[in-house]
Each structure stands twice: as C-alpha cells, then as structure tokens.
Amino acid sequence: MNIDELKSHALAARREIVTMIYESGIGHPGGALSIIDVLTWLYYQEVDLAATPRSRVVMSKGHAVAAQYAMLYQQGKIERSEFNTFRQINSRLQGHPSIKSLPEVDATTGLLGQGLSIAFGMAAAKKRRNDPHRVFAIVGDGEMHEGQIWETLQQAGHMKMDNLVAIIDY
C-alpha cells in the first residue's frame, strides 16, 4: 500500500471517529484523532487480523479506543450501524478496549500504565515460542508518569525485547 492510500484510510478513519463520538454523544476525540496515523500504518502494514500467529496492538491509552474501532470498521470487523452504540452498556464498542466484546482487540485496558506491561507479557511469550511477530503498545504521554511503565521499560531493556515496540502518543 502506498502513502497516498494510507493517507486516504487515515482521513476516512478521522471522519469515522468524529461520527462515532458525535452519534454516541460521548468519547475522547483528541486522544483518538492524535493516534490515527500510527494505527493506520499498523493495521494496513503490520497487523494482519486474519493471520495466526500475528502482530498485536495494545491500546494502553484505552480512552482513545474510538481510533481502534475506526480501524476495525475499515477491516470489516465492526458494522457502521454500531457507531451510535459507542460507550453504551452491552455495546460491543465499549469506552475502553475489551477482548470480551471484540476478539480482534488484543488486550483489555483502561487503567493507565498497565497496557505496556500487558504488551511486554505478550512479547515475552512470542519470543519464547520463536514467533517473529511484534507487539505494539500505544502509550499516552500521561502514562509516562506511572512507575509500572518505567519498570516495564527497564525489564524490556534487560531482556532485550526487540519485538516490543512502545509508541508514545504525546
């Protein structure tokens, strides 16, 4: 996929995010819109949702999940009609990522600071199984003040976790 196609998908995702948040009347547009270029690259270049095993995406900044839902919509995993159920009780589109609601979501997150540790565990398991795929953790700038983040980063360096990619959205 070329850069113009990626830009087109990212622009469409921005529209989907704004529509989803507007129709539901609740959400975090700033956090979702700020990470969409990275998620577009990940979901169109790195992550093949149909593959087993595959690379993983952990949205540690779970409040930005509308961006992940926009990507899953583009991949045919979510129906457009579900946008107006975003953040409602019993909706598949919860306010934070939930593997119970959507199997294509790789980790349930919400409490800031925990997503990177979850991604670290996934990456360690992949290394142990000689799985060549990577784990991408989308971390918000506010999480960088959490001790758990720094402990995970230190351990990742110590264990030479070259398959763990932390992407800080600031």
N, C-alpha and C. Protein backbone atom coordinates (compact mmCIF):
# COMPACT_ATOMS: atom_id res chain seq x y z
N MET A 1 0.85 -1.17 0.00
CA MET A 1 0.00 0.00 0.00
C MET A 1 0.90 1.24 0.00
N ASN A 2 0.58 2.20 -0.86
CA ASN A 2 1.42 3.39 -0.94
C ASN A 2 0.95 4.46 0.05
N ILE A 3 1.74 5.52 0.16
CA ILE A 3 1.48 6.57 1.15
C ILE A 3 0.16 7.28 0.90
N ASP A 4 -0.20 7.49 -0.36
CA ASP A 4 -1.48 8.15 -0.65
C ASP A 4 -2.67 7.31 -0.20
N GLU A 5 -2.57 6.00 -0.36
CA GLU A 5 -3.64 5.12 0.11
C GLU A 5 -3.74 5.13 1.63
N LEU A 6 -2.58 5.14 2.30
CA LEU A 6 -2.58 5.22 3.77
C LEU A 6 -3.20 6.53 4.23
N LYS A 7 -2.86 7.64 3.57
CA LYS A 7 -3.44 8.94 3.92
C LYS A 7 -4.95 8.93 3.74
N SER A 8 -5.41 8.30 2.69
CA SER A 8 -6.84 8.22 2.42
C SER A 8 -7.56 7.41 3.51
N HIS A 9 -6.96 6.30 3.93
CA HIS A 9 -7.55 5.50 5.01
C HIS A 9 -7.55 6.28 6.33
N ALA A 10 -6.48 7.02 6.59
CA ALA A 10 -6.40 7.81 7.82
C ALA A 10 -7.45 8.90 7.84
N LEU A 11 -7.65 9.57 6.71
CA LEU A 11 -8.67 10.61 6.62
C LEU A 11 -10.06 10.02 6.85
N ALA A 12 -10.33 8.89 6.23
CA ALA A 12 -11.62 8.22 6.43
C ALA A 12 -11.80 7.84 7.90
N ALA A 13 -10.74 7.37 8.54
CA ALA A 13 -10.81 6.99 9.95
C ALA A 13 -11.11 8.20 10.83
N ARG A 14 -10.53 9.35 10.49
CA ARG A 14 -10.83 10.57 11.26
C ARG A 14 -12.32 10.89 11.18
N ARG A 15 -12.88 10.77 9.99
CA ARG A 15 -14.32 11.01 9.83
C ARG A 15 -15.12 10.00 10.65
N GLU A 16 -14.68 8.75 10.64
CA GLU A 16 -15.39 7.71 11.39
C GLU A 16 -15.33 7.97 12.89
N ILE A 17 -14.19 8.42 13.37
CA ILE A 17 -14.04 8.73 14.80
C ILE A 17 -14.98 9.85 15.20
N VAL A 18 -14.97 10.94 14.44
CA VAL A 18 -15.83 12.08 14.76
C VAL A 18 -17.30 11.67 14.69
N THR A 19 -17.67 10.90 13.69
CA THR A 19 -19.05 10.43 13.56
C THR A 19 -19.44 9.56 14.75
N MET A 20 -18.57 8.62 15.12
CA MET A 20 -18.85 7.71 16.22
C MET A 20 -19.07 8.48 17.52
N ILE A 21 -18.19 9.42 17.81
CA ILE A 21 -18.28 10.19 19.05
C ILE A 21 -19.49 11.12 19.01
N TYR A 22 -19.75 11.73 17.87
CA TYR A 22 -20.91 12.61 17.74
C TYR A 22 -22.21 11.83 17.91
N GLU A 23 -22.33 10.70 17.23
CA GLU A 23 -23.57 9.92 17.28
C GLU A 23 -23.83 9.34 18.67
N SER A 24 -22.77 8.99 19.38
CA SER A 24 -22.96 8.42 20.71
C SER A 24 -23.09 9.51 21.77
N GLY A 25 -22.60 10.70 21.47
CA GLY A 25 -22.69 11.81 22.41
C GLY A 25 -21.64 11.78 23.50
N ILE A 26 -20.65 10.90 23.38
CA ILE A 26 -19.63 10.79 24.42
C ILE A 26 -18.37 10.18 23.83
N GLY A 27 -17.22 10.56 24.38
CA GLY A 27 -15.96 10.00 23.91
C GLY A 27 -14.82 10.97 24.06
N HIS A 28 -13.65 10.57 23.63
CA HIS A 28 -12.42 11.36 23.73
C HIS A 28 -11.86 11.59 22.33
N PRO A 29 -12.34 12.60 21.63
CA PRO A 29 -11.89 12.79 20.24
C PRO A 29 -10.41 13.11 20.12
N GLY A 30 -9.87 13.91 21.02
CA GLY A 30 -8.46 14.30 20.91
C GLY A 30 -7.51 13.12 20.95
N GLY A 31 -7.68 12.26 21.92
CA GLY A 31 -6.81 11.10 22.06
C GLY A 31 -6.93 10.13 20.90
N ALA A 32 -8.14 9.99 20.36
CA ALA A 32 -8.34 9.08 19.23
C ALA A 32 -7.77 9.67 17.95
N LEU A 33 -8.01 10.95 17.72
CA LEU A 33 -7.53 11.59 16.49
C LEU A 33 -6.01 11.69 16.46
N SER A 34 -5.39 11.85 17.62
CA SER A 34 -3.93 12.04 17.65
C SER A 34 -3.15 10.79 17.29
N ILE A 35 -3.76 9.62 17.38
CA ILE A 35 -3.03 8.38 17.14
C ILE A 35 -3.41 7.70 15.83
N ILE A 36 -4.32 8.29 15.07
CA ILE A 36 -4.87 7.59 13.92
C ILE A 36 -3.85 7.33 12.82
N ASP A 37 -2.90 8.21 12.60
CA ASP A 37 -1.89 7.94 11.56
C ASP A 37 -1.08 6.70 11.90
N VAL A 38 -0.71 6.57 13.16
CA VAL A 38 0.07 5.40 13.59
C VAL A 38 -0.77 4.13 13.45
N LEU A 39 -2.01 4.18 13.92
CA LEU A 39 -2.87 2.99 13.82
C LEU A 39 -3.15 2.62 12.37
N THR A 40 -3.29 3.60 11.50
CA THR A 40 -3.50 3.30 10.08
C THR A 40 -2.31 2.52 9.54
N TRP A 41 -1.12 2.97 9.84
CA TRP A 41 0.08 2.25 9.40
C TRP A 41 0.10 0.84 9.99
N LEU A 42 -0.19 0.73 11.28
CA LEU A 42 -0.15 -0.59 11.91
C LEU A 42 -1.15 -1.55 11.28
N TYR A 43 -2.40 -1.13 11.16
CA TYR A 43 -3.44 -2.04 10.68
C TYR A 43 -3.38 -2.31 9.18
N TYR A 44 -2.67 -1.46 8.43
CA TYR A 44 -2.55 -1.72 6.99
C TYR A 44 -1.18 -2.23 6.57
N GLN A 45 -0.18 -2.12 7.44
CA GLN A 45 1.17 -2.54 7.07
C GLN A 45 1.74 -3.64 7.97
N GLU A 46 1.34 -3.69 9.22
CA GLU A 46 1.98 -4.58 10.19
C GLU A 46 1.08 -5.70 10.70
N VAL A 47 -0.19 -5.43 10.89
CA VAL A 47 -1.09 -6.37 11.56
C VAL A 47 -2.06 -6.96 10.55
N ASP A 48 -2.00 -8.26 10.40
CA ASP A 48 -2.95 -8.99 9.56
C ASP A 48 -3.91 -9.72 10.50
N LEU A 49 -5.10 -9.17 10.66
CA LEU A 49 -6.05 -9.73 11.63
C LEU A 49 -6.45 -11.17 11.33
N ALA A 50 -6.28 -11.60 10.10
CA ALA A 50 -6.65 -12.96 9.72
C ALA A 50 -5.54 -13.97 9.99
N ALA A 51 -4.34 -13.50 10.23
CA ALA A 51 -3.19 -14.39 10.41
C ALA A 51 -3.13 -14.96 11.83
N THR A 52 -2.57 -16.17 11.92
CA THR A 52 -2.30 -16.79 13.22
C THR A 52 -0.97 -17.51 13.11
N PRO A 53 0.03 -17.17 13.86
CA PRO A 53 0.08 -16.03 14.78
C PRO A 53 0.18 -14.71 14.01
N ARG A 54 0.12 -13.61 14.74
CA ARG A 54 0.18 -12.29 14.11
C ARG A 54 0.76 -11.27 15.07
N SER A 55 1.08 -10.10 14.53
CA SER A 55 1.48 -8.99 15.38
C SER A 55 0.26 -8.51 16.16
N ARG A 56 0.52 -7.88 17.30
CA ARG A 56 -0.55 -7.43 18.20
C ARG A 56 -0.46 -5.93 18.45
N VAL A 57 -1.61 -5.33 18.76
CA VAL A 57 -1.68 -3.91 19.11
C VAL A 57 -2.38 -3.81 20.46
N VAL A 58 -1.70 -3.20 21.42
CA VAL A 58 -2.27 -2.98 22.74
C VAL A 58 -2.48 -1.48 22.92
N MET A 59 -3.73 -1.08 23.07
CA MET A 59 -4.06 0.33 23.29
C MET A 59 -3.98 0.62 24.78
N SER A 60 -2.78 0.95 25.25
CA SER A 60 -2.63 1.24 26.66
C SER A 60 -3.43 2.49 27.02
N LYS A 61 -3.45 3.47 26.11
CA LYS A 61 -4.29 4.67 26.33
C LYS A 61 -5.70 4.32 25.84
N GLY A 62 -6.36 3.49 26.64
CA GLY A 62 -7.63 2.90 26.25
C GLY A 62 -8.73 3.88 25.93
N HIS A 63 -8.67 5.09 26.49
CA HIS A 63 -9.71 6.08 26.22
C HIS A 63 -9.72 6.51 24.75
N ALA A 64 -8.67 6.18 24.00
CA ALA A 64 -8.59 6.52 22.58
C ALA A 64 -9.09 5.37 21.70
N VAL A 65 -9.86 4.48 22.27
CA VAL A 65 -10.30 3.27 21.58
C VAL A 65 -11.13 3.56 20.33
N ALA A 66 -11.74 4.71 20.22
CA ALA A 66 -12.51 5.04 19.01
C ALA A 66 -11.63 4.93 17.77
N ALA A 67 -10.35 5.24 17.91
CA ALA A 67 -9.42 5.11 16.77
C ALA A 67 -9.25 3.65 16.39
N GLN A 68 -9.14 2.78 17.37
CA GLN A 68 -9.02 1.35 17.09
C GLN A 68 -10.31 0.82 16.46
N TYR A 69 -11.45 1.29 16.94
CA TYR A 69 -12.72 0.87 16.35
C TYR A 69 -12.83 1.32 14.90
N ALA A 70 -12.33 2.52 14.60
CA ALA A 70 -12.34 3.00 13.21
C ALA A 70 -11.52 2.07 12.32
N MET A 71 -10.38 1.61 12.83
CA MET A 71 -9.56 0.67 12.05
C MET A 71 -10.28 -0.67 11.88
N LEU A 72 -10.91 -1.14 12.94
CA LEU A 72 -11.63 -2.42 12.85
C LEU A 72 -12.83 -2.30 11.92
N TYR A 73 -13.45 -1.13 11.88
CA TYR A 73 -14.53 -0.90 10.92
C TYR A 73 -13.99 -1.00 9.49
N GLN A 74 -12.86 -0.36 9.24
CA GLN A 74 -12.27 -0.41 7.90
C GLN A 74 -11.85 -1.82 7.52
N GLN A 75 -11.53 -2.64 8.50
CA GLN A 75 -11.13 -4.02 8.24
C GLN A 75 -12.34 -4.97 8.17
N GLY A 76 -13.54 -4.42 8.30
CA GLY A 76 -14.75 -5.22 8.19
C GLY A 76 -15.13 -5.98 9.46
N LYS A 77 -14.58 -5.60 10.60
CA LYS A 77 -14.85 -6.30 11.85
C LYS A 77 -15.96 -5.66 12.68
N ILE A 78 -16.35 -4.43 12.32
CA ILE A 78 -17.40 -3.69 13.01
C ILE A 78 -18.34 -3.15 11.95
N GLU A 79 -19.62 -3.15 12.25
CA GLU A 79 -20.62 -2.58 11.34
C GLU A 79 -20.76 -1.08 11.59
N ARG A 80 -21.01 -0.33 10.55
CA ARG A 80 -21.21 1.12 10.66
C ARG A 80 -22.37 1.44 11.60
N SER A 81 -23.38 0.61 11.59
CA SER A 81 -24.57 0.82 12.43
C SER A 81 -24.25 0.75 13.93
N GLU A 82 -23.09 0.21 14.29
CA GLU A 82 -22.71 0.10 15.70
C GLU A 82 -22.14 1.40 16.26
N PHE A 83 -21.77 2.35 15.39
CA PHE A 83 -21.16 3.59 15.86
C PHE A 83 -22.01 4.30 16.92
N ASN A 84 -23.33 4.30 16.74
CA ASN A 84 -24.17 5.03 17.69
C ASN A 84 -24.34 4.29 19.02
N THR A 85 -23.74 3.11 19.15
CA THR A 85 -23.78 2.38 20.43
C THR A 85 -22.47 2.54 21.20
N PHE A 86 -21.54 3.31 20.67
CA PHE A 86 -20.23 3.51 21.31
C PHE A 86 -20.41 3.97 22.76
N ARG A 87 -19.75 3.27 23.67
CA ARG A 87 -19.72 3.58 25.10
C ARG A 87 -21.05 3.34 25.80
N GLN A 88 -21.92 2.53 25.23
CA GLN A 88 -23.19 2.22 25.89
C GLN A 88 -23.12 0.83 26.52
N ILE A 89 -23.88 0.64 27.56
CA ILE A 89 -23.93 -0.66 28.24
C ILE A 89 -24.38 -1.73 27.24
N ASN A 90 -23.71 -2.86 27.28
CA ASN A 90 -23.97 -4.01 26.42
C ASN A 90 -23.57 -3.81 24.96
N SER A 91 -22.93 -2.71 24.64
CA SER A 91 -22.43 -2.50 23.27
C SER A 91 -21.12 -3.24 23.10
N ARG A 92 -20.83 -3.66 21.88
CA ARG A 92 -19.50 -4.23 21.59
C ARG A 92 -18.45 -3.14 21.62
N LEU A 93 -18.86 -1.89 21.41
CA LEU A 93 -17.93 -0.76 21.35
C LEU A 93 -17.88 -0.06 22.70
N GLN A 94 -17.19 -0.68 23.63
CA GLN A 94 -17.07 -0.12 24.97
C GLN A 94 -16.15 1.10 24.98
N GLY A 95 -16.14 1.84 26.08
CA GLY A 95 -15.34 3.05 26.19
C GLY A 95 -13.86 2.80 26.32
N HIS A 96 -13.47 1.57 26.60
CA HIS A 96 -12.07 1.14 26.62
C HIS A 96 -12.02 -0.22 25.92
N PRO A 97 -10.87 -0.58 25.37
CA PRO A 97 -10.77 -1.86 24.66
C PRO A 97 -11.16 -3.04 25.55
N SER A 98 -11.91 -3.96 24.97
CA SER A 98 -12.35 -5.14 25.72
C SER A 98 -12.29 -6.37 24.81
N ILE A 99 -11.46 -7.33 25.19
CA ILE A 99 -11.37 -8.56 24.39
C ILE A 99 -12.65 -9.37 24.50
N LYS A 100 -13.41 -9.14 25.55
CA LYS A 100 -14.69 -9.84 25.71
C LYS A 100 -15.69 -9.38 24.65
N SER A 101 -15.63 -8.10 24.31
CA SER A 101 -16.57 -7.53 23.34
C SER A 101 -16.16 -7.78 21.90
N LEU A 102 -14.87 -7.68 21.63
CA LEU A 102 -14.35 -7.83 20.27
C LEU A 102 -13.09 -8.69 20.29
N PRO A 103 -13.10 -9.85 19.69
CA PRO A 103 -11.92 -10.71 19.72
C PRO A 103 -10.72 -10.12 18.96
N GLU A 104 -10.95 -9.15 18.08
CA GLU A 104 -9.84 -8.53 17.35
C GLU A 104 -9.08 -7.52 18.20
N VAL A 105 -9.64 -7.15 19.34
CA VAL A 105 -8.94 -6.30 20.30
C VAL A 105 -7.98 -7.21 21.05
N ASP A 106 -6.72 -6.82 21.12
CA ASP A 106 -5.71 -7.72 21.66
C ASP A 106 -5.56 -7.68 23.18
N ALA A 107 -6.06 -6.63 23.83
CA ALA A 107 -5.94 -6.55 25.29
C ALA A 107 -7.03 -5.64 25.84
N THR A 108 -7.56 -6.02 26.98
CA THR A 108 -8.48 -5.16 27.70
C THR A 108 -7.64 -4.19 28.52
N THR A 109 -7.85 -2.90 28.29
CA THR A 109 -7.08 -1.89 29.01
C THR A 109 -8.03 -0.82 29.53
N GLY A 110 -7.49 0.09 30.28
CA GLY A 110 -8.30 1.17 30.83
C GLY A 110 -7.54 1.91 31.90
N LEU A 111 -6.93 1.18 32.81
CA LEU A 111 -6.15 1.80 33.87
C LEU A 111 -4.80 2.20 33.29
N LEU A 112 -4.51 3.49 33.30
CA LEU A 112 -3.27 3.97 32.68
C LEU A 112 -2.05 3.30 33.29
N GLY A 113 -1.14 2.90 32.42
CA GLY A 113 0.11 2.30 32.85
C GLY A 113 0.16 0.80 32.69
N GLN A 114 -0.97 0.14 32.57
CA GLN A 114 -0.97 -1.31 32.52
C GLN A 114 -0.77 -1.89 31.12
N GLY A 115 -1.13 -1.17 30.09
CA GLY A 115 -1.06 -1.70 28.73
C GLY A 115 0.33 -2.11 28.29
N LEU A 116 1.33 -1.32 28.67
CA LEU A 116 2.69 -1.67 28.28
C LEU A 116 3.13 -2.97 28.95
N SER A 117 2.73 -3.18 30.19
CA SER A 117 3.06 -4.44 30.87
C SER A 117 2.38 -5.62 30.20
N ILE A 118 1.14 -5.43 29.77
CA ILE A 118 0.43 -6.49 29.05
C ILE A 118 1.16 -6.80 27.75
N ALA A 119 1.54 -5.75 27.03
CA ALA A 119 2.27 -5.92 25.76
C ALA A 119 3.60 -6.62 25.99
N PHE A 120 4.27 -6.27 27.08
CA PHE A 120 5.54 -6.92 27.42
C PHE A 120 5.33 -8.43 27.60
N GLY A 121 4.28 -8.81 28.32
CA GLY A 121 3.99 -10.23 28.52
C GLY A 121 3.72 -10.94 27.21
N MET A 122 2.98 -10.30 26.33
CA MET A 122 2.71 -10.89 25.01
C MET A 122 4.00 -11.05 24.21
N ALA A 123 4.85 -10.02 24.26
CA ALA A 123 6.12 -10.07 23.52
C ALA A 123 7.03 -11.16 24.08
N ALA A 124 7.05 -11.30 25.41
CA ALA A 124 7.88 -12.35 26.02
C ALA A 124 7.39 -13.73 25.59
N ALA A 125 6.07 -13.92 25.55
CA ALA A 125 5.52 -15.20 25.11
C ALA A 125 5.87 -15.47 23.65
N LYS A 126 5.82 -14.45 22.81
CA LYS A 126 6.17 -14.62 21.40
C LYS A 126 7.64 -15.01 21.26
N LYS A 127 8.50 -14.36 22.02
CA LYS A 127 9.93 -14.70 21.98
C LYS A 127 10.15 -16.15 22.38
N ARG A 128 9.48 -16.56 23.43
CA ARG A 128 9.64 -17.93 23.93
C ARG A 128 9.20 -18.97 22.90
N ARG A 129 8.18 -18.63 22.11
CA ARG A 129 7.67 -19.54 21.08
C ARG A 129 8.36 -19.34 19.73
N ASN A 130 9.37 -18.48 19.69
CA ASN A 130 10.07 -18.15 18.44
C ASN A 130 9.12 -17.60 17.38
N ASP A 131 8.11 -16.89 17.82
CA ASP A 131 7.16 -16.22 16.92
C ASP A 131 7.81 -14.91 16.48
N PRO A 132 7.99 -14.69 15.18
CA PRO A 132 8.69 -13.50 14.71
C PRO A 132 7.87 -12.21 14.74
N HIS A 133 6.61 -12.28 15.10
CA HIS A 133 5.75 -11.10 15.07
C HIS A 133 6.04 -10.18 16.25
N ARG A 134 5.65 -8.91 16.09
CA ARG A 134 5.91 -7.91 17.12
C ARG A 134 4.63 -7.54 17.87
N VAL A 135 4.83 -6.91 19.01
CA VAL A 135 3.73 -6.38 19.81
C VAL A 135 3.94 -4.88 19.92
N PHE A 136 2.91 -4.13 19.52
CA PHE A 136 2.95 -2.68 19.54
C PHE A 136 2.08 -2.18 20.69
N ALA A 137 2.64 -1.34 21.54
CA ALA A 137 1.89 -0.76 22.65
C ALA A 137 1.74 0.73 22.39
N ILE A 138 0.50 1.20 22.33
CA ILE A 138 0.21 2.62 22.15
C ILE A 138 0.06 3.20 23.55
N VAL A 139 1.02 4.03 23.93
CA VAL A 139 1.09 4.58 25.29
C VAL A 139 0.85 6.08 25.24
N GLY A 140 0.00 6.58 26.12
CA GLY A 140 -0.25 8.01 26.20
C GLY A 140 0.82 8.72 27.00
N ASP A 141 1.00 10.01 26.74
CA ASP A 141 2.04 10.76 27.45
C ASP A 141 1.78 10.82 28.95
N GLY A 142 0.52 10.85 29.36
CA GLY A 142 0.21 10.89 30.79
C GLY A 142 0.63 9.62 31.52
N GLU A 143 0.68 8.52 30.81
CA GLU A 143 1.08 7.25 31.41
C GLU A 143 2.56 7.21 31.75
N MET A 144 3.32 8.07 31.12
CA MET A 144 4.77 8.04 31.31
C MET A 144 5.17 8.39 32.74
N HIS A 145 4.22 8.86 33.55
CA HIS A 145 4.49 9.18 34.95
C HIS A 145 4.22 7.99 35.87
N GLU A 146 3.72 6.91 35.31
CA GLU A 146 3.40 5.73 36.11
C GLU A 146 4.64 4.87 36.32
N GLY A 147 4.87 4.46 37.55
CA GLY A 147 6.03 3.62 37.86
C GLY A 147 6.03 2.31 37.10
N GLN A 148 4.86 1.76 36.88
CA GLN A 148 4.75 0.48 36.17
C GLN A 148 5.31 0.59 34.75
N ILE A 149 5.15 1.74 34.11
CA ILE A 149 5.70 1.95 32.77
C ILE A 149 7.22 1.83 32.81
N TRP A 150 7.83 2.53 33.75
CA TRP A 150 9.29 2.54 33.82
C TRP A 150 9.85 1.18 34.23
N GLU A 151 9.16 0.49 35.11
CA GLU A 151 9.60 -0.86 35.47
C GLU A 151 9.56 -1.78 34.26
N THR A 152 8.51 -1.66 33.46
CA THR A 152 8.38 -2.49 32.26
C THR A 152 9.47 -2.15 31.25
N LEU A 153 9.72 -0.86 31.05
CA LEU A 153 10.77 -0.45 30.11
C LEU A 153 12.14 -0.95 30.54
N GLN A 154 12.43 -0.87 31.84
CA GLN A 154 13.72 -1.37 32.34
C GLN A 154 13.84 -2.88 32.11
N GLN A 155 12.79 -3.61 32.41
CA GLN A 155 12.83 -5.07 32.22
C GLN A 155 12.93 -5.42 30.74
N ALA A 156 12.23 -4.67 29.88
CA ALA A 156 12.29 -4.93 28.44
C ALA A 156 13.71 -4.72 27.92
N GLY A 157 14.38 -3.69 28.40
CA GLY A 157 15.77 -3.46 28.01
C GLY A 157 16.68 -4.57 28.52
N HIS A 158 16.48 -4.95 29.76
CA HIS A 158 17.30 -6.01 30.37
C HIS A 158 17.14 -7.33 29.60
N MET A 159 15.93 -7.63 29.16
CA MET A 159 15.66 -8.89 28.47
C MET A 159 15.82 -8.78 26.95
N LYS A 160 16.25 -7.61 26.49
CA LYS A 160 16.46 -7.38 25.05
C LYS A 160 15.21 -7.74 24.23
N MET A 161 14.10 -7.14 24.62
CA MET A 161 12.81 -7.41 23.98
C MET A 161 12.70 -6.62 22.68
N ASP A 162 13.36 -7.10 21.64
CA ASP A 162 13.38 -6.39 20.36
C ASP A 162 12.09 -6.56 19.57
N ASN A 163 11.15 -7.33 20.09
CA ASN A 163 9.86 -7.50 19.42
C ASN A 163 8.74 -6.68 20.08
N LEU A 164 9.11 -5.88 21.07
CA LEU A 164 8.16 -5.00 21.75
C LEU A 164 8.42 -3.57 21.28
N VAL A 165 7.38 -2.93 20.75
CA VAL A 165 7.51 -1.56 20.26
C VAL A 165 6.55 -0.68 21.05
N ALA A 166 7.11 0.24 21.83
CA ALA A 166 6.30 1.19 22.58
C ALA A 166 6.20 2.47 21.76
N ILE A 167 4.99 2.88 21.46
CA ILE A 167 4.75 4.10 20.69
C ILE A 167 4.09 5.09 21.63
N ILE A 168 4.80 6.18 21.93
CA ILE A 168 4.29 7.18 22.87
C ILE A 168 3.57 8.27 22.08
N ASP A 169 2.30 8.43 22.36
CA ASP A 169 1.49 9.46 21.72
C ASP A 169 1.45 10.67 22.65
N TYR A 170 2.11 11.73 22.25
CA TYR A 170 2.15 12.92 23.11
C TYR A 170 1.51 14.11 22.45
